[in-house]
Amino acid sequence: MKKYKITIITVVKNDEKNIEKTIRSVLSQRYNNIQYIVIDGNSTDKTLDIVKKFKNKIQIISRK
């Protein structure tokens, strides 16, 4: 059976209180063929720093 690739996109701006919980939730999924993209809307708090802690598990980190 072919495993389909699923892309999960998180769009975030200034949500340092919740972004780590969101990322951990996505990374805890049991399906193995996931591409994870995080798009940051130019956060001015510590959101991007938190996202970068997971850079080895997130395929694309984009800052708009």
Protein backbone atom coordinates (compact mmCIF):
# COMPACT_ATOMS: atom_id res chain seq x y z
CA MET A 1 0.00 0.00 0.00
CA LYS A 2 1.31 3.43 -0.97
CA LYS A 3 1.78 5.97 1.84
CA TYR A 4 0.70 9.42 0.82
CA LYS A 5 2.66 12.49 1.90
CA ILE A 6 0.64 14.86 4.04
CA THR A 7 1.63 18.50 4.42
CA ILE A 8 0.75 20.31 7.62
CA ILE A 9 1.05 24.10 7.64
CA THR A 10 1.01 26.21 10.78
CA VAL A 11 0.60 29.95 10.31
CA VAL A 12 1.51 31.95 13.38
CA LYS A 13 2.17 35.49 14.56
CA ASN A 14 3.08 36.52 18.11
CA ASP A 15 1.92 33.35 19.85
CA GLU A 16 4.90 32.44 22.00
CA LYS A 17 2.57 31.01 24.66
CA ASN A 18 1.07 28.32 22.39
CA ILE A 19 3.38 27.65 19.45
CA GLU A 20 5.49 25.01 21.18
CA LYS A 21 2.39 23.03 22.14
CA THR A 22 1.20 23.22 18.53
CA ILE A 23 4.53 22.06 17.12
CA ARG A 24 4.79 19.19 19.61
CA SER A 25 1.28 18.10 18.71
CA VAL A 26 2.11 17.95 15.00
CA LEU A 27 5.41 16.15 15.62
CA SER A 28 3.73 13.56 17.83
CA GLN A 29 1.54 12.27 15.01
CA ARG A 30 2.09 8.59 14.25
CA TYR A 31 1.88 8.97 10.49
CA ASN A 32 5.46 9.01 9.22
CA ASN A 33 5.18 10.66 5.83
CA ILE A 34 4.52 14.25 6.95
CA GLN A 35 5.98 17.46 5.59
CA TYR A 36 5.72 20.22 8.19
CA ILE A 37 5.78 23.91 7.26
CA VAL A 38 5.63 26.82 9.69
CA ILE A 39 4.91 30.30 8.37
CA ASP A 40 5.62 33.14 10.77
CA GLY A 41 3.97 36.49 10.13
CA ASN A 42 6.89 38.61 11.36
CA SER A 43 6.38 37.93 15.04
CA THR A 44 7.84 40.49 17.39
CA ASP A 45 7.84 38.23 20.45
CA LYS A 46 9.80 34.98 20.99
CA THR A 47 7.66 32.89 18.62
CA LEU A 48 10.34 32.53 15.94
CA ASP A 49 12.98 31.57 18.53
CA ILE A 50 10.71 28.77 19.74
CA VAL A 51 10.03 27.59 16.19
CA LYS A 52 13.77 27.49 15.46
CA LYS A 53 14.29 25.09 18.38
CA PHE A 54 12.55 22.51 16.18
CA LYS A 55 14.26 23.42 12.89
CA ASN A 56 15.63 19.91 12.41
CA LYS A 57 12.07 18.50 12.41
CA ILE A 58 10.34 21.24 10.41
CA GLN A 59 10.98 21.04 6.67
CA ILE A 60 10.27 24.70 5.90
CA ILE A 61 10.30 27.75 8.18
CA SER A 62 9.18 30.87 6.35
CA ARG A 63 9.01 34.41 7.65
CA LYS A 64 6.65 36.75 5.85
